[in-house]
PDB file of N, CA and C in Angstrom:
ATOM      1  N   GLU A   1      56.257   2.368 -23.481  1.00  0.00           N
ATOM      2  CA  GLU A   1      56.819   0.634 -23.280  1.00  0.00           C
ATOM      3  C   GLU A   1      57.045   1.084 -21.854  1.00  0.00           C
ATOM      4  N   ASP A   2      57.248   1.851 -21.274  1.00  0.00           N
ATOM      5  CA  ASP A   2      58.380   1.999 -19.966  1.00  0.00           C
ATOM      6  C   ASP A   2      56.712   1.816 -19.149  1.00  0.00           C
ATOM      7  N   ASP A   3      55.931   3.413 -19.445  1.00  0.00           N
ATOM      8  CA  ASP A   3      54.834   3.267 -18.728  1.00  0.00           C
ATOM      9  C   ASP A   3      53.997   1.873 -18.980  1.00  0.00           C
ATOM     10  N   ALA A   4      53.662   1.093 -19.400  1.00  0.00           N
ATOM     11  CA  ALA A   4      52.889  -0.176 -19.991  1.00  0.00           C
ATOM     12  C   ALA A   4      53.639  -1.062 -18.832  1.00  0.00           C
ATOM     13  N   ASN A   5      54.960  -1.339 -18.466  1.00  0.00           N
ATOM     14  CA  ASN A   5      56.034  -2.036 -17.892  1.00  0.00           C
ATOM     15  C   ASN A   5      55.503  -1.845 -15.826  1.00  0.00           C
ATOM     16  N   ARG A   6      55.321  -0.555 -15.995  1.00  0.00           N
ATOM     17  CA  ARG A   6      55.532   0.040 -14.660  1.00  0.00           C
ATOM     18  C   ARG A   6      53.952   0.065 -14.228  1.00  0.00           C
ATOM     19  N   LEU A   7      52.829  -0.536 -15.451  1.00  0.00           N
ATOM     20  CA  LEU A   7      51.270  -0.174 -14.555  1.00  0.00           C
ATOM     21  C   LEU A   7      51.440  -1.707 -14.215  1.00  0.00           C
ATOM     22  N   GLY A   8      51.976  -2.784 -15.219  1.00  0.00           N
ATOM     23  CA  GLY A   8      51.751  -4.091 -15.072  1.00  0.00           C
ATOM     24  C   GLY A   8      52.477  -4.568 -13.953  1.00  0.00           C
ATOM     25  N   GLU A   9      53.831  -3.821 -13.468  1.00  0.00           N
ATOM     26  CA  GLU A   9      54.090  -4.248 -11.955  1.00  0.00           C
ATOM     27  C   GLU A   9      53.450  -3.510 -11.255  1.00  0.00           C
ATOM     28  N   LYS A  10      52.950  -2.519 -11.518  1.00  0.00           N
ATOM     29  CA  LYS A  10      51.747  -1.814 -10.137  1.00  0.00           C
ATOM     30  C   LYS A  10      50.556  -2.739 -10.308  1.00  0.00           C
ATOM     31  N   VAL A  11      50.199  -3.599 -10.977  1.00  0.00           N
ATOM     32  CA  VAL A  11      49.055  -4.234 -10.901  1.00  0.00           C
ATOM     33  C   VAL A  11      49.708  -5.124  -9.645  1.00  0.00           C
ATOM     34  N   ILE A  12      50.563  -5.988 -10.501  1.00  0.00           N
ATOM     35  CA  ILE A  12      51.312  -7.326  -9.486  1.00  0.00           C
ATOM     36  C   ILE A  12      51.617  -6.881  -8.413  1.00  0.00           C
ATOM     37  N   LEU A  13      52.498  -5.851  -7.809  1.00  0.00           N
ATOM     38  CA  LEU A  13      52.673  -5.453  -6.139  1.00  0.00           C
ATOM     39  C   LEU A  13      51.130  -5.557  -5.903  1.00  0.00           C
ATOM     40  N   ARG A  14      50.064  -4.424  -6.357  1.00  0.00           N
ATOM     41  CA  ARG A  14      48.896  -4.483  -5.228  1.00  0.00           C
ATOM     42  C   ARG A  14      48.075  -5.738  -5.067  1.00  0.00           C
ATOM     43  N   GLU A  15      48.475  -6.855  -6.156  1.00  0.00           N
ATOM     44  CA  GLU A  15      47.935  -7.991  -5.593  1.00  0.00           C
ATOM     45  C   GLU A  15      48.786  -8.618  -4.759  1.00  0.00           C
ATOM     46  N   GLN A  16      50.053  -8.408  -4.450  1.00  0.00           N
ATOM     47  CA  GLN A  16      50.963  -9.107  -3.245  1.00  0.00           C
ATOM     48  C   GLN A  16      50.551  -8.337  -2.468  1.00  0.00           C
ATOM     49  N   VAL A  17      50.231  -6.806  -2.398  1.00  0.00           N
ATOM     50  CA  VAL A  17      49.355  -5.880  -0.791  1.00  0.00           C
ATOM     51  C   VAL A  17      48.494  -6.577  -0.542  1.00  0.00           C
ATOM     52  N   LYS A  18      47.741  -6.971  -1.482  1.00  0.00           N
ATOM     53  CA  LYS A  18      46.528  -7.536  -1.105  1.00  0.00           C
ATOM     54  C   LYS A  18      46.421  -8.963  -0.602  1.00  0.00           C
ATOM     55  N   GLU A  19      47.533  -9.489  -1.142  1.00  0.00           N
ATOM     56  CA  GLU A  19      47.699 -10.984  -0.496  1.00  0.00           C
ATOM     57  C   GLU A  19      47.754 -10.908   0.731  1.00  0.00           C
ATOM     58  N   LEU A  20      49.239  -9.821   1.303  1.00  0.00           N
ATOM     59  CA  LEU A  20      49.711  -9.347   2.433  1.00  0.00           C
ATOM     60  C   LEU A  20      48.508  -9.405   3.111  1.00  0.00           C
ATOM     61  N   PHE A  21      47.730  -8.568   2.613  1.00  0.00           N
ATOM     62  CA  PHE A  21      46.733  -7.865   3.953  1.00  0.00           C
ATOM     63  C   PHE A  21      45.810  -8.935   4.110  1.00  0.00           C
ATOM     64  N   ASN A  22      45.605 -10.202   3.329  1.00  0.00           N
ATOM     65  CA  ASN A  22      44.321 -10.824   3.403  1.00  0.00           C
ATOM     66  C   ASN A  22      44.947 -12.224   4.557  1.00  0.00           C
ATOM     67  N   GLU A  23      46.352 -12.147   4.239  1.00  0.00           N
ATOM     68  CA  GLU A  23      46.858 -13.233   5.460  1.00  0.00           C
ATOM     69  C   GLU A  23      47.224 -12.383   6.856  1.00  0.00           C
ATOM     70  N   LYS A  24      47.342 -11.426   6.851  1.00  0.00           N
ATOM     71  CA  LYS A  24      47.607 -10.967   8.035  1.00  0.00           C
ATOM     72  C   LYS A  24      46.072 -10.807   9.040  1.00  0.00           C
ATOM     73  N   TYR A  25      45.204 -10.718   7.911  1.00  0.00           N
ATOM     74  CA  TYR A  25      43.433 -10.491   8.639  1.00  0.00           C
ATOM     75  C   TYR A  25      43.010 -11.819   9.121  1.00  0.00           C
ATOM     76  N   GLY A  26      43.858 -12.800   8.320  1.00  0.00           N
ATOM     77  CA  GLY A  26      43.126 -14.198   8.348  1.00  0.00           C
ATOM     78  C   GLY A  26      43.888 -14.393   9.951  1.00  0.00           C
ATOM     79  N   GLU A  27      45.185 -13.759  10.198  1.00  0.00           N
ATOM     80  CA  GLU A  27      45.888 -14.169  11.119  1.00  0.00           C
ATOM     81  C   GLU A  27      45.264 -13.710  12.400  1.00  0.00           C
ATOM     82  N   ALA A  28      44.820 -12.646  12.100  1.00  0.00           N
ATOM     83  CA  ALA A  28      44.285 -11.650  13.364  1.00  0.00           C
ATOM     84  C   ALA A  28      43.006 -12.179  13.739  1.00  0.00           C
ATOM     85  N   LEU A  29      42.057 -13.091  12.845  1.00  0.00           N
ATOM     86  CA  LEU A  29      41.256 -13.578  13.224  1.00  0.00           C
ATOM     87  C   LEU A  29      41.445 -14.812  14.038  1.00  0.00           C
ATOM     88  N   GLY A  30      42.529 -15.352  14.191  1.00  0.00           N
ATOM     89  CA  GLY A  30      43.149 -16.678  14.299  1.00  0.00           C
ATOM     90  C   GLY A  30      42.914 -18.050  13.178  1.00  0.00           C
ATOM     91  N   LEU A  31      42.532 -17.507  12.622  1.00  0.00           N
ATOM     92  CA  LEU A  31      42.354 -18.465  11.658  1.00  0.00           C
ATOM     93  C   LEU A  31      44.029 -18.597  10.666  1.00  0.00           C
ATOM     94  N   ASN A  32      44.639 -20.180   9.902  1.00  0.00           N
ATOM     95  CA  ASN A  32      45.467 -20.242   9.474  1.00  0.00           C
ATOM     96  C   ASN A  32      45.548 -20.019   8.102  1.00  0.00           C
ATOM     97  N   ARG A  33      44.632 -19.196   7.495  1.00  0.00           N
ATOM     98  CA  ARG A  33      44.438 -18.983   6.222  1.00  0.00           C
ATOM     99  C   ARG A  33      44.390 -17.570   5.978  1.00  0.00           C
ATOM    100  N   PRO A  34      44.330 -17.260   4.462  1.00  0.00           N
ATOM    101  CA  PRO A  34      44.165 -15.802   4.523  1.00  0.00           C
ATOM    102  C   PRO A  34      42.287 -15.727   4.324  1.00  0.00           C
ATOM    103  N   VAL A  35      42.456 -14.657   5.014  1.00  0.00           N
ATOM    104  CA  VAL A  35      40.878 -13.961   4.371  1.00  0.00           C
ATOM    105  C   VAL A  35      40.479 -12.651   4.076  1.00  0.00           C
ATOM    106  N   LEU A  36      39.585 -12.262   2.829  1.00  0.00           N
ATOM    107  CA  LEU A  36      39.303 -11.630   2.330  1.00  0.00           C
ATOM    108  C   LEU A  36      38.850 -10.266   3.307  1.00  0.00           C
ATOM    109  N   VAL A  37      39.827  -9.232   3.623  1.00  0.00           N
ATOM    110  CA  VAL A  37      39.833  -7.612   4.108  1.00  0.00           C
ATOM    111  C   VAL A  37      38.249  -7.059   3.618  1.00  0.00           C
ATOM    112  N   PRO A  38      37.639  -6.797   4.972  1.00  0.00           N
ATOM    113  CA  PRO A  38      36.359  -5.886   4.061  1.00  0.00           C
ATOM    114  C   PRO A  38      36.725  -4.562   4.416  1.00  0.00           C
ATOM    115  N   TYR A  39      37.564  -4.202   3.736  1.00  0.00           N
ATOM    116  CA  TYR A  39      37.851  -2.408   3.459  1.00  0.00           C
ATOM    117  C   TYR A  39      37.105  -1.608   3.720  1.00  0.00           C
ATOM    118  N   LYS A  40      35.498  -1.973   3.098  1.00  0.00           N
ATOM    119  CA  LYS A  40      34.818  -0.798   3.413  1.00  0.00           C
ATOM    120  C   LYS A  40      34.183  -1.023   4.425  1.00  0.00           C
ATOM    121  N   LEU A  41      34.051  -2.310   5.193  1.00  0.00           N
ATOM    122  CA  LEU A  41      33.573  -1.896   7.003  1.00  0.00           C
ATOM    123  C   LEU A  41      34.837  -1.088   7.954  1.00  0.00           C
ATOM    124  N   ILE A  42      36.171  -1.558   7.453  1.00  0.00           N
ATOM    125  CA  ILE A  42      37.220  -1.048   8.304  1.00  0.00           C
ATOM    126  C   ILE A  42      36.880   0.382   7.680  1.00  0.00           C
ATOM    127  N   ARG A  43      36.477   0.747   6.842  1.00  0.00           N
ATOM    128  CA  ARG A  43      36.958   2.063   6.331  1.00  0.00           C
ATOM    129  C   ARG A  43      35.494   2.928   7.526  1.00  0.00           C
ATOM    130  N   ASP A  44      34.488   2.348   7.602  1.00  0.00           N
ATOM    131  CA  ASP A  44      33.192   2.662   7.934  1.00  0.00           C
ATOM    132  C   ASP A  44      33.320   2.508   9.451  1.00  0.00           C
ATOM    133  N   SER A  45      33.958   1.689   9.618  1.00  0.00           N
ATOM    134  CA  SER A  45      34.619   1.619  11.288  1.00  0.00           C
ATOM    135  C   SER A  45      36.127   1.093  11.632  1.00  0.00           C
ATOM    136  N   PRO A  46      37.079   2.612  11.542  1.00  0.00           N
ATOM    137  CA  PRO A  46      38.857   2.662  11.334  1.00  0.00           C
ATOM    138  C   PRO A  46      39.112   2.169  12.711  1.00  0.00           C
ATOM    139  N   ASP A  47      38.373   2.349  13.550  1.00  0.00           N
ATOM    140  CA  ASP A  47      38.904   1.751  15.309  1.00  0.00           C
ATOM    141  C   ASP A  47      38.352   0.067  15.519  1.00  0.00           C
ATOM    142  N   ALA A  48      38.371  -0.464  14.906  1.00  0.00           N
ATOM    143  CA  ALA A  48      37.419  -1.654  14.315  1.00  0.00           C
ATOM    144  C   ALA A  48      38.919  -2.865  14.693  1.00  0.00           C
ATOM    145  N   VAL A  49      39.980  -2.678  13.860  1.00  0.00           N
ATOM    146  CA  VAL A  49      41.024  -2.906  13.219  1.00  0.00           C
ATOM    147  C   VAL A  49      42.316  -1.841  13.397  1.00  0.00           C
ATOM    148  N   GLU A  50      43.547  -2.408  14.345  1.00  0.00           N
ATOM    149  CA  GLU A  50      44.488  -1.880  14.198  1.00  0.00           C
ATOM    150  C   GLU A  50      45.729  -2.490  13.548  1.00  0.00           C
ATOM    151  N   VAL A  51      46.636  -1.955  12.761  1.00  0.00           N
ATOM    152  CA  VAL A  51      47.069  -1.988  11.849  1.00  0.00           C
ATOM    153  C   VAL A  51      48.590  -1.733  12.090  1.00  0.00           C
ATOM    154  N   THR A  52      49.514  -2.364  12.392  1.00  0.00           N
ATOM    155  CA  THR A  52      51.066  -1.450  12.935  1.00  0.00           C
ATOM    156  C   THR A  52      52.067  -2.330  11.983  1.00  0.00           C
ATOM    157  N   GLY A  53      53.035  -1.813  11.989  1.00  0.00           N
ATOM    158  CA  GLY A  53      53.848  -2.192  10.878  1.00  0.00           C
ATOM    159  C   GLY A  53      54.274  -1.708   9.524  1.00  0.00           C
ATOM    160  N   LEU A  54      53.366  -0.971   9.414  1.00  0.00           N
ATOM    161  CA  LEU A  54      53.236  -0.149   7.915  1.00  0.00           C
ATOM    162  C   LEU A  54      54.284   0.886   7.899  1.00  0.00           C
ATOM    163  N   PRO A  55      54.886   1.336   6.775  1.00  0.00           N
ATOM    164  CA  PRO A  55      55.868   2.491   7.632  1.00  0.00           C
ATOM    165  C   PRO A  55      55.090   3.757   7.324  1.00  0.00           C
ATOM    166  N   ASP A  56      55.923   4.301   8.522  1.00  0.00           N
ATOM    167  CA  ASP A  56      55.147   5.885   9.026  1.00  0.00           C
ATOM    168  C   ASP A  56      54.485   6.611   8.119  1.00  0.00           C
ATOM    169  N   ASP A  57      54.551   6.627   7.163  1.00  0.00           N
ATOM    170  CA  ASP A  57      53.472   7.585   6.176  1.00  0.00           C
ATOM    171  C   ASP A  57      52.759   6.824   5.383  1.00  0.00           C
ATOM    172  N   ILE A  58      52.355   6.053   5.247  1.00  0.00           N
ATOM    173  CA  ILE A  58      51.548   4.724   4.831  1.00  0.00           C
ATOM    174  C   ILE A  58      50.383   4.441   6.304  1.00  0.00           C
ATOM    175  N   PRO A  59      49.325   5.214   5.555  1.00  0.00           N
ATOM    176  CA  PRO A  59      47.709   4.428   6.522  1.00  0.00           C
ATOM    177  C   PRO A  59      47.780   3.425   6.207  1.00  0.00           C
ATOM    178  N   PHE A  60      47.093   2.367   7.053  1.00  0.00           N
ATOM    179  CA  PHE A  60      46.187   1.335   6.180  1.00  0.00           C
ATOM    180  C   PHE A  60      44.767   1.781   5.243  1.00  0.00           C
ATOM    181  N   ARG A  61      44.921   1.216   4.333  1.00  0.00           N
ATOM    182  CA  ARG A  61      43.526   1.106   3.891  1.00  0.00           C
ATOM    183  C   ARG A  61      43.771   0.014   2.549  1.00  0.00           C
ATOM    184  N   ASN A  62      42.986   0.473   1.284  1.00  0.00           N
ATOM    185  CA  ASN A  62      42.332  -0.184   0.530  1.00  0.00           C
ATOM    186  C   ASN A  62      43.744   0.031  -0.305  1.00  0.00           C
ATOM    187  N   PRO A  63      44.215  -1.283  -0.703  1.00  0.00           N
ATOM    188  CA  PRO A  63      45.386  -1.498  -2.141  1.00  0.00           C
ATOM    189  C   PRO A  63      45.206  -0.860  -3.078  1.00  0.00           C
ATOM    190  N   ASN A  64      44.393  -0.595  -3.592  1.00  0.00           N
ATOM    191  CA  ASN A  64      43.826   0.342  -4.832  1.00  0.00           C
ATOM    192  C   ASN A  64      44.270   1.416  -4.625  1.00  0.00           C
ATOM    193  N   THR A  65      44.452   2.095  -3.393  1.00  0.00           N
ATOM    194  CA  THR A  65      44.499   3.304  -3.634  1.00  0.00           C
ATOM    195  C   THR A  65      46.175   3.527  -3.335  1.00  0.00           C
ATOM    196  N   TYR A  66      46.751   2.709  -3.215  1.00  0.00           N
ATOM    197  CA  TYR A  66      48.025   3.318  -3.262  1.00  0.00           C
ATOM    198  C   TYR A  66      48.961   3.186  -4.426  1.00  0.00           C
ATOM    199  N   ASP A  67      49.670   4.213  -4.267  1.00  0.00           N
ATOM    200  CA  ASP A  67      50.802   4.477  -5.812  1.00  0.00           C
ATOM    201  C   ASP A  67      52.166   3.392  -5.385  1.00  0.00           C
ATOM    202  N   ILE A  68      52.859   3.580  -6.737  1.00  0.00           N
ATOM    203  CA  ILE A  68      53.503   1.967  -6.192  1.00  0.00           C
ATOM    204  C   ILE A  68      54.481   2.063  -5.542  1.00  0.00           C
ATOM    205  N   HIS A  69      55.078   3.365  -5.539  1.00  0.00           N
ATOM    206  CA  HIS A  69      56.048   3.612  -4.509  1.00  0.00           C
ATOM    207  C   HIS A  69      55.741   2.976  -3.019  1.00  0.00           C
ATOM    208  N   ARG A  70      54.382   3.268  -2.463  1.00  0.00           N
ATOM    209  CA  ARG A  70      53.998   3.041  -1.358  1.00  0.00           C
ATOM    210  C   ARG A  70      53.513   1.893  -1.320  1.00  0.00           C
ATOM    211  N   LEU A  71      53.454   0.775  -2.410  1.00  0.00           N
ATOM    212  CA  LEU A  71      53.386  -0.886  -2.080  1.00  0.00           C
ATOM    213  C   LEU A  71      54.269  -1.322  -2.233  1.00  0.00           C
ATOM    214  N   GLU A  72      55.808  -0.937  -2.775  1.00  0.00           N
ATOM    215  CA  GLU A  72      57.024  -1.048  -2.718  1.00  0.00           C
ATOM    216  C   GLU A  72      57.352  -0.940  -1.389  1.00  0.00           C
ATOM    217  N   LYS A  73      56.731  -0.134  -0.962  1.00  0.00           N
ATOM    218  CA  LYS A  73      57.607   0.002   0.973  1.00  0.00           C
ATOM    219  C   LYS A  73      56.811  -0.708   1.472  1.00  0.00           C
ATOM    220  N   ILE A  74      55.209  -1.005   1.494  1.00  0.00           N
ATOM    221  CA  ILE A  74      54.643  -1.974   2.372  1.00  0.00           C
ATOM    222  C   ILE A  74      55.262  -3.140   1.952  1.00  0.00           C
ATOM    223  N   LEU A  75      55.347  -4.064   0.751  1.00  0.00           N
ATOM    224  CA  LEU A  75      56.249  -5.082   0.718  1.00  0.00           C
ATOM    225  C   LEU A  75      57.494  -5.362   1.121  1.00  0.00           C
ATOM    226  N   LYS A  76      58.198  -4.204   1.328  1.00  0.00           N
ATOM    227  CA  LYS A  76      59.463  -4.240   2.105  1.00  0.00           C
ATOM    228  C   LYS A  76      59.358  -4.184   3.761  1.00  0.00           C
ATOM    229  N   ALA A  77      58.354  -4.128   3.898  1.00  0.00           N
ATOM    230  CA  ALA A  77      57.755  -4.001   5.608  1.00  0.00           C
ATOM    231  C   ALA A  77      57.118  -5.408   5.809  1.00  0.00           C
ATOM    232  N   ARG A  78      56.713  -6.170   4.933  1.00  0.00           N
ATOM    233  CA  ARG A  78      55.365  -6.841   5.016  1.00  0.00           C
ATOM    234  C   ARG A  78      55.973  -8.003   6.360  1.00  0.00           C
ATOM    235  N   GLU A  79      57.541  -8.167   6.837  1.00  0.00           N
ATOM    236  CA  GLU A  79      57.456  -8.867   8.230  1.00  0.00           C
ATOM    237  C   GLU A  79      56.898  -7.797   9.374  1.00  0.00           C
ATOM    238  N   HIS A  80      56.752  -7.072   8.997  1.00  0.00           N
ATOM    239  CA  HIS A  80      56.538  -6.271   9.995  1.00  0.00           C
ATOM    240  C   HIS A  80      54.900  -5.604  10.547  1.00  0.00           C
ATOM    241  N   VAL A  81      54.289  -6.188   9.446  1.00  0.00           N
ATOM    242  CA  VAL A  81      52.845  -5.814   9.664  1.00  0.00           C
ATOM    243  C   VAL A  81      52.087  -6.693  10.040  1.00  0.00           C
ATOM    244  N   ARG A  82      51.237  -6.213  10.943  1.00  0.00           N
ATOM    245  CA  ARG A  82      50.454  -7.119  11.798  1.00  0.00           C
ATOM    246  C   ARG A  82      49.194  -6.332  12.125  1.00  0.00           C
ATOM    247  N   MET A  83      47.961  -6.998  12.528  1.00  0.00           N
ATOM    248  CA  MET A  83      46.593  -6.849  12.337  1.00  0.00           C
ATOM    249  C   MET A  83      45.848  -7.221  13.590  1.00  0.00           C
ATOM    250  N   VAL A  84      45.139  -6.007  14.590  1.00  0.00           N
ATOM    251  CA  VAL A  84      44.758  -6.960  15.424  1.00  0.00           C
ATOM    252  C   VAL A  84      42.972  -6.587  15.330  1.00  0.00           C
ATOM    253  N   ILE A  85      41.977  -7.347  15.725  1.00  0.00           N
ATOM    254  CA  ILE A  85      40.948  -7.283  15.592  1.00  0.00           C
ATOM    255  C   ILE A  85      40.351  -6.578  16.916  1.00  0.00           C
ATOM    256  N   ILE A  86      40.453  -5.331  17.027  1.00  0.00           N
ATOM    257  CA  ILE A  86      39.647  -4.462  18.185  1.00  0.00           C
ATOM    258  C   ILE A  86      38.546  -5.106  18.515  1.00  0.00           C
ATOM    259  N   ASN A  87      37.513  -4.502  17.167  1.00  0.00           N
ATOM    260  CA  ASN A  87      35.849  -4.811  17.454  1.00  0.00           C
ATOM    261  C   ASN A  87      35.346  -5.966  16.375  1.00  0.00           C
ATOM    262  N   GLN A  88      34.835  -6.732  16.642  1.00  0.00           N
ATOM    263  CA  GLN A  88      34.400  -7.712  15.698  1.00  0.00           C
ATOM    264  C   GLN A  88      33.431  -7.118  14.287  1.00  0.00           C
ATOM    265  N   LEU A  89      33.953  -7.099  13.327  1.00  0.00           N
ATOM    266  CA  LEU A  89      33.019  -6.274  12.062  1.00  0.00           C
ATOM    267  C   LEU A  89      32.060  -7.410  11.581  1.00  0.00           C
ATOM    268  N   GLN A  90      30.951  -7.073  11.281  1.00  0.00           N
ATOM    269  CA  GLN A  90      29.734  -8.049  10.880  1.00  0.00           C
ATOM    270  C   GLN A  90      29.554  -6.843   9.674  1.00  0.00           C
ATOM    271  N   PRO A  91      28.943  -7.428   8.450  1.00  0.00           N
ATOM    272  CA  PRO A  91      28.435  -6.586   7.120  1.00  0.00           C
ATOM    273  C   PRO A  91      26.864  -6.356   7.870  1.00  0.00           C
ATOM    274  N   PHE A  92      25.880  -5.349   7.689  1.00  0.00           N
ATOM    275  CA  PHE A  92      25.081  -5.071   8.597  1.00  0.00           C
ATOM    276  C   PHE A  92      23.824  -6.044   7.913  1.00  0.00           C
ATOM    277  N   ALA A  93      23.803  -6.948   6.806  1.00  0.00           N
ATOM    278  CA  ALA A  93      23.031  -7.841   6.793  1.00  0.00           C
ATOM    279  C   ALA A  93      23.038  -8.954   7.800  1.00  0.00           C
ATOM    280  N   GLU A  94      24.255  -8.971   8.301  1.00  0.00           N
ATOM    281  CA  GLU A  94      24.374 -10.526   9.127  1.00  0.00           C
ATOM    282  C   GLU A  94      23.594  -9.690  10.478  1.00  0.00           C
ATOM    283  N   VAL A  95      24.005  -8.343  10.738  1.00  0.00           N
ATOM    284  CA  VAL A  95      23.236  -7.917  12.377  1.00  0.00           C
ATOM    285  C   VAL A  95      22.045  -8.065  12.306  1.00  0.00           C
ATOM    286  N   SER A  96      21.596  -7.609  10.935  1.00  0.00           N
ATOM    287  CA  SER A  96      20.071  -7.934  11.081  1.00  0.00           C
ATOM    288  C   SER A  96      19.469  -9.148  10.776  1.00  0.00           C
ATOM    289  N   ASN A  97      19.781  -9.820  10.135  1.00  0.00           N
ATOM    290  CA  ASN A  97      19.576 -11.083  10.665  1.00  0.00           C
ATOM    291  C   ASN A  97      19.312 -11.832  11.867  1.00  0.00           C
ATOM    292  N   ASP A  98      20.472 -11.518  12.610  1.00  0.00           N
ATOM    293  CA  ASP A  98      20.979 -11.771  14.063  1.00  0.00           C
ATOM    294  C   ASP A  98      19.533 -11.143  14.939  1.00  0.00           C
ATOM    295  N   ALA A  99      19.645  -9.999  14.494  1.00  0.00           N
ATOM    296  CA  ALA A  99      18.143  -9.384  15.251  1.00  0.00           C
ATOM    297  C   ALA A  99      16.949  -9.851  15.104  1.00  0.00           C
ATOM    298  N   LYS A 100      16.490 -10.487  14.099  1.00  0.00           N
ATOM    299  CA  LYS A 100      15.518 -10.888  13.350  1.00  0.00           C
ATOM    300  C   LYS A 100      15.152 -12.207  14.729  1.00  0.00           C
ATOM    301  N   VAL A 101      15.628 -13.027  14.565  1.00  0.00           N
ATOM    302  CA  VAL A 101      15.817 -13.825  15.309  1.00  0.00           C
ATOM    303  C   VAL A 101      16.348 -14.158  16.755  1.00  0.00           C
ATOM    304  N   PRO A 102      15.537 -13.740  17.718  1.00  0.00           N
ATOM    305  CA  PRO A 102      16.043 -13.363  19.173  1.00  0.00           C
ATOM    306  C   PRO A 102      16.233 -14.770  19.866  1.00  0.00           C
ATOM    307  N   GLY A 103      15.473 -15.986  19.392  1.00  0.00           N
ATOM    308  CA  GLY A 103      15.100 -16.777  20.172  1.00  0.00           C
ATOM    309  C   GLY A 103      15.456 -17.993  19.762  1.00  0.00           C
ATOM    310  N   GLU A 104      16.507 -18.208  18.716  1.00  0.00           N
ATOM    311  CA  GLU A 104      16.235 -19.223  17.631  1.00  0.00           C
ATOM    312  C   GLU A 104      17.565 -20.197  18.304  1.00  0.00           C
ATOM    313  N   SER A 105      18.445 -19.513  19.049  1.00  0.00           N
ATOM    314  CA  SER A 105      18.995 -20.720  19.711  1.00  0.00           C
ATOM    315  C   SER A 105      18.720 -21.603  20.550  1.00  0.00           C
ATOM    316  N   GLU A 106      17.491 -21.001  21.485  1.00  0.00           N
ATOM    317  CA  GLU A 106      16.476 -22.254  22.496  1.00  0.00           C
ATOM    318  C   GLU A 106      16.101 -22.796  21.504  1.00  0.00           C
ATOM    319  N   ALA A 107      15.442 -22.320  20.568  1.00  0.00           N
ATOM    320  CA  ALA A 107      14.944 -22.894  19.704  1.00  0.00           C
ATOM    321  C   ALA A 107      15.935 -24.544  19.037  1.00  0.00           C
ATOM    322  N   GLU A 108      17.341 -24.606  18.349  1.00  0.00           N
ATOM    323  CA  GLU A 108      18.012 -25.188  18.355  1.00  0.00           C
ATOM    324  C   GLU A 108      18.428 -26.055  19.290  1.00  0.00           C
ATOM    325  N   GLU A 109      18.611 -25.771  20.836  1.00  0.00           N
ATOM    326  CA  GLU A 109      18.570 -26.572  22.019  1.00  0.00           C
ATOM    327  C   GLU A 109      17.559 -27.575  21.997  1.00  0.00           C
ATOM    328  N   ALA A 110      16.086 -26.969  21.621  1.00  0.00           N
ATOM    329  CA  ALA A 110      15.187 -27.886  22.257  1.00  0.00           C
ATOM    330  C   ALA A 110      14.819 -29.012  20.949  1.00  0.00           C
ATOM    331  N   THR A 111      15.684 -28.773  19.882  1.00  0.00           N
ATOM    332  CA  THR A 111      15.363 -29.789  19.019  1.00  0.00           C
ATOM    333  C   THR A 111      16.442 -30.784  19.141  1.00  0.00           C
ATOM    334  N   LEU A 112      17.395 -30.808  19.565  1.00  0.00           N
ATOM    335  CA  LEU A 112      18.533 -31.222  20.612  1.00  0.00           C
ATOM    336  C   LEU A 112      18.151 -32.245  21.322  1.00  0.00           C
ATOM    337  N   LEU A 113      17.398 -31.756  22.461  1.00  0.00           N
ATOM    338  CA  LEU A 113      17.195 -32.546  23.436  1.00  0.00           C
ATOM    339  C   LEU A 113      16.397 -33.892  23.222  1.00  0.00           C
ATOM    340  N   PRO A 114      16.318 -34.783  24.043  1.00  0.00           N
ATOM    341  CA  PRO A 114      15.588 -36.281  23.857  1.00  0.00           C
ATOM    342  C   PRO A 114      14.099 -35.547  24.354  1.00  0.00           C
ATOM    343  N   ARG A 115      12.850 -36.314  23.457  1.00  0.00           N
ATOM    344  CA  ARG A 115      11.633 -35.576  23.883  1.00  0.00           C
ATOM    345  C   ARG A 115      10.876 -36.549  24.366  1.00  0.00           C
ATOM    346  N   GLY A 116      11.038 -37.412  25.441  1.00  0.00           N
ATOM    347  CA  GLY A 116      10.984 -38.425  26.493  1.00  0.00           C
ATOM    348  C   GLY A 116       9.792 -39.084  26.150  1.00  0.00           C
ATOM    349  N   ASP A 117       9.570 -40.068  24.752  1.00  0.00           N
ATOM    350  CA  ASP A 117       8.730 -40.480  24.128  1.00  0.00           C
ATOM    351  C   ASP A 117       8.622 -41.920  24.545  1.00  0.00           C
TER     352      ASP A 117
END
């Protein structure tokens, strides 16, 4: 029964850490709302986001990978956790879409101009 209680507690703590990280990521983006942290993109580009305020022995990563003790330590330090976006992260699909249509903004501007009829 104790194991079941600890497991339930770990699930709750993990969700709280996810919410904390989403909140801090939203702040880092300049928004006043939580934003889902793109953990895979950050893992692939670790220099893109700087996370400070975590306890010294805890690296920033997806909360699913932390044990219960690390989750507790992160939540105790919640007031100190900060994120700074160093390089804007974009999913590959968005980047390739932007690259596909280089003249799109000029085309949009042209449709906004009066046609002189």
